[in-house]
């Protein structure tokens, strides 16, 4: 309960809530599109830089099991999501596969929110986690598209190109390369820009996401209670499994909790771009609403505290 309250009153969660309130009361608050894009570029690049610095200080042998586990869960999660979306959510094959691709990928903002929660709880983390975010982005999207049995010429290739060259992967991987090449000493000169303001920029980004999520809440009525229930069940199932597995391979308690939040999240940046190209017949009202309107706020309010408590309980 203490972890839940601590997470709910964090600036990140409250900024998201403020965005929802702004839309519900009809406020004229707007964040210009150019500024929103700038915030997302800043966050993705900063995450990559910090991860690269951590990688420069990590022995390669420490990454083998975390990467293998990430790939395994990146393949298992969309298959699990597809099963529940078709059986419990009663979605058709294409919509279920498109949505499963989102649950097989990762929400970068959920990852960052989990990192901040771990820091606030004083739990030790693992510096290589941003590298695992990049690894987790791709497998789930590929499997989701395969589940839909995409047959259009060029559809799969264009979708994969969109994932690999999209800003999420490109900026994080590019930032990690720069951070790893420069190390902590080389990055000291830009740390006041990319490290200190990070939480403030994240709050502005969450404020905008709160407004976007509020705009899509009307779609929940059309989706039905089964889809909403599935959007709450999947993060718990995937996140708890990932937290337990990460603990078993020796990740720190904080690292396991963040890893659980990563695997338990649903992408609303990389996956929608890929699905839009490969599966134009799938309904954005379903996969975007579930990822951004159900699973994202569920993880911010409930999922992350559960993963933190589970990691604390399981850690030796």
Protein backbone atom coordinates (compact mmCIF):
# COMPACT_ATOMS: atom_id res chain seq x y z
CA UNK A 1 0.00 0.00 0.00
CA UNK A 2 2.87 2.38 0.78
CA UNK A 3 4.40 1.71 -2.66
CA UNK A 4 1.01 2.26 -4.31
CA UNK A 5 0.47 5.59 -2.56
CA UNK A 6 4.05 6.66 -3.27
CA UNK A 7 3.62 5.90 -6.95
CA UNK A 8 0.22 7.59 -7.20
CA UNK A 9 1.47 10.87 -5.74
CA UNK A 10 4.61 11.02 -7.90
CA UNK A 11 4.89 14.03 -10.27
CA UNK A 12 4.89 11.69 -13.29
CA UNK A 13 1.53 10.06 -12.46
CA UNK A 14 -0.05 13.31 -11.31
CA UNK A 15 1.00 15.05 -14.54
CA UNK A 16 -0.75 12.29 -16.51
CA UNK A 17 -3.85 12.70 -14.32
CA UNK A 18 -3.77 16.47 -14.82
CA UNK A 19 -3.86 15.95 -18.58
CA UNK A 20 -6.93 13.72 -18.24
CA UNK A 21 -8.66 16.30 -16.03
CA UNK A 22 -7.87 19.07 -18.51
CA UNK A 23 -9.77 17.23 -21.24
CA UNK A 24 -12.65 16.13 -19.02
CA UNK A 25 -13.40 19.69 -17.88
CA UNK A 26 -13.01 21.14 -21.38
CA UNK A 27 -9.85 23.16 -20.74
CA UNK A 28 -8.23 24.84 -23.74
CA UNK A 29 -4.81 23.54 -22.63
CA UNK A 30 -2.76 22.39 -25.63
CA UNK A 31 0.85 21.35 -26.14
CA UNK A 32 1.82 22.21 -29.74
CA UNK A 33 2.69 19.20 -31.88
CA UNK A 34 6.21 20.48 -32.56
CA UNK A 35 6.93 20.77 -28.83
CA UNK A 36 5.48 17.30 -28.17
CA UNK A 37 7.74 15.85 -30.86
CA UNK A 38 10.69 17.67 -29.34
CA UNK A 39 9.92 16.24 -25.91
CA UNK A 40 9.75 12.69 -27.28
CA UNK A 41 13.05 13.11 -29.14
CA UNK A 42 14.70 14.45 -25.99
CA UNK A 43 13.44 11.58 -23.81
CA UNK A 44 14.40 8.81 -26.25
CA UNK A 45 17.86 10.23 -26.87
CA UNK A 46 18.50 10.86 -23.16
CA UNK A 47 17.48 7.29 -22.31
CA UNK A 48 19.91 6.00 -24.93
CA UNK A 49 22.77 8.17 -23.68
CA UNK A 50 22.31 7.09 -20.07
CA UNK A 51 22.05 3.46 -21.11
CA UNK A 52 25.20 3.75 -23.21
CA UNK A 53 27.19 5.13 -20.30
CA UNK A 54 25.96 2.24 -18.16
CA UNK A 55 26.90 -0.25 -20.89
CA UNK A 56 30.44 1.17 -21.02
CA UNK A 57 30.75 0.18 -17.37
CA UNK A 58 29.13 -3.28 -17.73
CA UNK A 59 31.01 -6.49 -18.53
CA UNK A 60 29.66 -8.14 -21.73
CA UNK A 61 29.16 -11.40 -19.86
CA UNK A 62 26.53 -9.75 -17.64
CA UNK A 63 24.31 -9.08 -20.66
CA UNK A 64 23.98 -12.62 -22.03
CA UNK A 65 21.17 -13.91 -19.81
CA UNK A 66 19.21 -10.62 -19.68
CA UNK A 67 19.21 -10.38 -23.49
CA UNK A 68 18.20 -14.03 -23.92
CA UNK A 69 15.39 -13.58 -21.40
CA UNK A 70 14.24 -10.41 -23.16
CA UNK A 71 14.09 -12.17 -26.52
CA UNK A 72 12.22 -15.13 -25.02
CA UNK A 73 9.58 -12.96 -23.36
CA UNK A 74 9.41 -10.72 -26.41
CA UNK A 75 8.23 -13.81 -28.33
CA UNK A 76 6.02 -15.27 -25.59
CA UNK A 77 4.12 -12.06 -24.71
CA UNK A 78 2.41 -11.50 -28.09
CA UNK A 79 1.41 -15.17 -28.25
CA UNK A 80 -0.10 -14.95 -24.77
CA UNK A 81 -1.80 -11.65 -25.62
CA UNK A 82 -3.26 -13.10 -28.84
CA UNK A 83 -4.72 -16.05 -26.91
CA UNK A 84 -6.44 -13.86 -24.30
CA UNK A 85 -7.58 -11.26 -26.82
CA UNK A 86 -9.32 -13.90 -28.91
CA UNK A 87 -10.68 -16.02 -26.04
CA UNK A 88 -11.47 -13.44 -23.35
CA UNK A 89 -11.61 -10.26 -25.41
CA UNK A 90 -13.56 -11.95 -28.25
CA UNK A 91 -11.61 -10.02 -30.90
CA UNK A 92 -11.27 -11.20 -34.48
CA UNK A 93 -7.99 -12.58 -35.78
CA UNK A 94 -6.66 -9.38 -37.37
CA UNK A 95 -7.59 -7.04 -34.50
CA UNK A 96 -6.27 -9.54 -31.95
CA UNK A 97 -2.98 -9.93 -33.81
CA UNK A 98 -2.57 -6.17 -34.26
CA UNK A 99 -3.20 -5.61 -30.55
CA UNK A 100 -0.92 -8.50 -29.57
CA UNK A 101 1.91 -6.77 -31.45
CA UNK A 102 1.50 -3.80 -29.09
CA UNK A 103 1.65 -6.03 -26.00
CA UNK A 104 4.71 -7.83 -27.32
CA UNK A 105 6.54 -4.52 -27.74
CA UNK A 106 7.34 -1.99 -25.00
CA UNK A 107 6.19 1.41 -23.77
CA UNK A 108 9.28 3.57 -23.28
CA UNK A 109 7.37 5.97 -21.02
CA UNK A 110 6.25 3.11 -18.75
CA UNK A 111 9.90 2.03 -18.60
CA UNK A 112 10.99 5.53 -17.52
CA UNK A 113 8.16 5.81 -14.98
CA UNK A 114 9.23 2.47 -13.48
CA UNK A 115 12.84 3.68 -13.27
CA UNK A 116 11.73 6.77 -11.38
CA UNK A 117 9.58 4.66 -9.03
CA UNK A 118 12.54 2.38 -8.32
CA UNK A 119 14.75 5.36 -7.54
CA UNK A 120 12.11 6.82 -5.23
CA UNK A 121 11.88 3.48 -3.42
CA UNK A 122 15.66 3.36 -2.99
CA UNK A 123 15.98 0.01 -4.77
CA UNK A 124 19.13 -0.98 -6.71
CA UNK A 125 18.76 -1.18 -10.49
CA UNK A 126 20.76 -2.40 -13.51
CA UNK A 127 22.37 0.09 -15.86
CA UNK A 128 21.92 -2.02 -18.99
CA UNK A 129 18.09 -1.86 -18.92
CA UNK A 130 17.82 0.71 -21.77
CA UNK A 131 19.58 -1.78 -24.04
CA UNK A 132 16.89 -4.34 -23.19
CA UNK A 133 14.20 -1.82 -24.15
CA UNK A 134 15.64 -1.66 -27.67
CA UNK A 135 15.82 -5.47 -27.84
CA UNK A 136 12.21 -5.83 -26.68
CA UNK A 137 10.77 -3.43 -29.27
CA UNK A 138 11.05 -5.69 -32.32
CA UNK A 139 10.19 -9.41 -31.70
CA UNK A 140 6.64 -8.82 -30.51
CA UNK A 141 5.76 -6.69 -33.51
CA UNK A 142 7.11 -9.32 -35.90
CA UNK A 143 5.14 -12.11 -34.23
CA UNK A 144 1.99 -10.00 -34.09
CA UNK A 145 2.15 -9.41 -37.83
CA UNK A 146 2.81 -13.10 -38.46
CA UNK A 147 -0.22 -14.03 -36.36
CA UNK A 148 -2.33 -11.93 -38.70
CA UNK A 149 -0.85 -13.96 -41.60
CA UNK A 150 -0.10 -10.82 -43.56
CA UNK A 151 0.05 -11.66 -47.25
CA UNK A 152 0.22 -8.27 -48.91
CA UNK A 153 3.31 -7.85 -51.04
CA UNK A 154 5.82 -5.69 -49.19
CA UNK A 155 3.56 -5.36 -46.13
CA UNK A 156 5.83 -7.19 -43.72
CA UNK A 157 9.01 -5.67 -45.11
CA UNK A 158 7.68 -2.13 -44.88
CA UNK A 159 6.45 -2.73 -41.34
CA UNK A 160 9.82 -4.08 -40.18
CA UNK A 161 11.62 -1.18 -41.83
CA UNK A 162 9.31 1.20 -39.98
CA UNK A 163 10.21 -0.44 -36.67
CA UNK A 164 13.96 -0.54 -37.21
CA UNK A 165 14.32 2.96 -38.70
CA UNK A 166 11.64 4.59 -36.54
CA UNK A 167 12.66 7.24 -34.06
CA UNK A 168 12.27 5.03 -30.99
CA UNK A 169 14.89 2.47 -32.00
CA UNK A 170 17.08 4.89 -33.95
CA UNK A 171 17.39 7.48 -31.17
CA UNK A 172 17.87 4.97 -28.35
CA UNK A 173 20.41 2.88 -30.26
CA UNK A 174 22.21 5.99 -31.49
CA UNK A 175 22.25 7.45 -27.99
CA UNK A 176 23.54 4.19 -26.54
CA UNK A 177 26.37 4.10 -29.08
CA UNK A 178 27.38 7.67 -28.21
CA UNK A 179 27.11 7.08 -24.47
CA UNK A 180 29.08 3.83 -24.65
CA UNK A 181 31.79 5.43 -26.82
CA UNK A 182 32.18 8.51 -24.61
CA UNK A 183 31.67 6.93 -21.20
CA UNK A 184 30.79 8.81 -18.03
CA UNK A 185 33.76 11.15 -18.31
CA UNK A 186 33.02 12.14 -21.89
CA UNK A 187 29.32 12.66 -21.15
CA UNK A 188 29.95 14.91 -18.16
CA UNK A 189 29.79 18.03 -20.33
CA UNK A 190 26.22 17.37 -21.52
CA UNK A 191 24.90 15.83 -18.29
CA UNK A 192 23.38 19.16 -17.10
CA UNK A 193 21.14 19.11 -20.18
CA UNK A 194 20.31 15.41 -20.53
CA UNK A 195 20.32 14.24 -16.90
CA UNK A 196 19.12 17.00 -14.58
CA UNK A 197 16.06 18.24 -16.57
CA UNK A 198 14.94 14.71 -17.47
CA UNK A 199 12.17 14.38 -14.86
CA UNK A 200 10.71 17.78 -15.70
CA UNK A 201 10.58 16.99 -19.41
CA UNK A 202 8.97 13.64 -18.60
CA UNK A 203 6.21 15.40 -16.65
CA UNK A 204 5.38 17.61 -19.65
CA UNK A 205 5.33 14.54 -21.89
CA UNK A 206 2.95 12.74 -19.49
CA UNK A 207 0.72 15.81 -19.37
CA UNK A 208 0.24 15.56 -23.13
CA UNK A 209 -0.29 11.78 -22.97
CA UNK A 210 -2.99 12.31 -20.35
CA UNK A 211 -4.88 14.56 -22.77
CA UNK A 212 -4.44 12.05 -25.60
CA UNK A 213 -5.67 9.19 -23.42
CA UNK A 214 -8.71 11.20 -22.31
CA UNK A 215 -9.63 11.81 -25.95
CA UNK A 216 -9.73 8.06 -26.55
CA UNK A 217 -11.73 7.08 -23.49
CA UNK A 218 -14.96 7.20 -25.47
CA UNK A 219 -13.66 4.24 -27.46
CA UNK A 220 -13.72 2.10 -24.32
CA UNK A 221 -17.50 1.94 -24.39
CA UNK A 222 -17.39 0.56 -27.91
CA UNK A 223 -14.66 -1.94 -27.01
CA UNK A 224 -16.68 -3.53 -24.21
CA UNK A 225 -15.82 -4.77 -20.73
CA UNK A 226 -14.06 -7.91 -22.00
CA UNK A 227 -11.42 -5.88 -23.84
CA UNK A 228 -10.94 -3.56 -20.85
CA UNK A 229 -10.53 -6.54 -18.52
CA UNK A 230 -7.97 -8.07 -20.90
CA UNK A 231 -6.06 -4.77 -20.95
CA UNK A 232 -5.69 -5.02 -17.16
CA UNK A 233 -5.00 -8.76 -17.03
CA UNK A 234 -2.18 -8.84 -19.60
CA UNK A 235 0.17 -6.38 -17.84
CA UNK A 236 -0.23 -8.26 -14.57
CA UNK A 237 0.40 -11.65 -16.18
CA UNK A 238 3.34 -10.57 -18.33
CA UNK A 239 4.81 -8.20 -15.74
CA UNK A 240 4.76 -10.64 -12.82
CA UNK A 241 6.23 -13.42 -14.97
CA UNK A 242 9.01 -11.12 -16.17
CA UNK A 243 9.76 -9.84 -12.67
CA UNK A 244 10.06 -13.39 -11.33
CA UNK A 245 12.22 -14.52 -14.26
CA UNK A 246 14.50 -11.48 -13.97
CA UNK A 247 15.00 -12.17 -10.28
CA UNK A 248 15.82 -15.80 -11.07
CA UNK A 249 18.66 -14.83 -13.44
CA UNK A 250 20.21 -12.52 -10.85
CA UNK A 251 18.96 -9.04 -11.71
CA UNK A 252 18.70 -6.61 -8.81
CA UNK A 253 15.33 -6.06 -7.14
CA UNK A 254 14.90 -2.67 -8.81
CA UNK A 255 16.08 -4.00 -12.17
CA UNK A 256 13.65 -6.92 -11.99
CA UNK A 257 10.76 -4.57 -11.18
CA UNK A 258 11.60 -2.27 -14.09
CA UNK A 259 11.98 -5.27 -16.37
CA UNK A 260 8.55 -6.48 -15.27
CA UNK A 261 7.07 -3.08 -16.12
CA UNK A 262 8.74 -3.19 -19.54
CA UNK A 263 7.38 -6.61 -20.45
CA UNK A 264 4.00 -5.81 -18.91
CA UNK A 265 3.60 -2.62 -20.95
CA UNK A 266 2.08 -2.03 -24.37
CA UNK A 267 3.71 0.08 -27.08
CA UNK A 268 1.95 3.15 -28.45
CA UNK A 269 4.82 4.58 -30.52
CA UNK A 270 6.69 1.92 -32.50
CA UNK A 271 3.94 -0.71 -32.72
CA UNK A 272 1.15 1.57 -34.02
CA UNK A 273 3.43 2.84 -36.79
CA UNK A 274 4.26 -0.69 -37.92
CA UNK A 275 0.70 -2.02 -37.60
CA UNK A 276 -0.72 0.94 -39.48
CA UNK A 277 1.40 -0.02 -42.50
CA UNK A 278 1.08 -3.81 -42.40
CA UNK A 279 -2.48 -4.17 -41.10
CA UNK A 280 -4.50 -1.18 -42.30
CA UNK A 281 -7.71 -3.15 -41.78
CA UNK A 282 -7.08 -3.44 -38.00
CA UNK A 283 -8.97 -0.98 -35.80
CA UNK A 284 -6.86 1.76 -34.13
CA UNK A 285 -9.82 2.35 -31.83
CA UNK A 286 -9.07 -1.04 -30.28
CA UNK A 287 -5.28 -1.34 -30.18
CA UNK A 288 -4.54 2.31 -29.36
CA UNK A 289 -7.28 2.54 -26.76
CA UNK A 290 -6.10 -0.63 -25.03
CA UNK A 291 -2.43 0.38 -25.05
CA UNK A 292 -2.82 4.05 -24.11
CA UNK A 293 -6.25 4.25 -22.48
CA UNK A 294 -6.23 1.05 -20.39
CA UNK A 295 -2.84 -0.61 -19.92
CA UNK A 296 -0.70 2.54 -19.63
CA UNK A 297 -2.66 4.18 -16.77
CA UNK A 298 -3.16 0.76 -15.15
CA UNK A 299 0.61 0.24 -15.01
CA UNK A 300 1.26 3.76 -13.72
CA UNK A 301 -1.23 3.42 -10.88
CA UNK A 302 -1.25 -0.29 -10.02
CA UNK A 303 1.14 -2.40 -12.10
CA UNK A 304 4.44 -0.74 -11.18
CA UNK A 305 3.81 -0.88 -7.39
CA UNK A 306 2.91 -4.58 -7.72
CA UNK A 307 6.11 -5.34 -9.67
CA UNK A 308 8.14 -3.42 -7.07
CA UNK A 309 6.61 -5.38 -4.20
CA UNK A 310 7.01 -8.70 -6.01
CA UNK A 311 10.68 -7.98 -6.77
CA UNK A 312 11.30 -7.08 -3.12
CA UNK A 313 9.62 -10.28 -1.97
CA UNK A 314 11.47 -12.56 -4.39
CA UNK A 315 14.93 -11.00 -4.09
CA UNK A 316 17.32 -12.82 -1.75
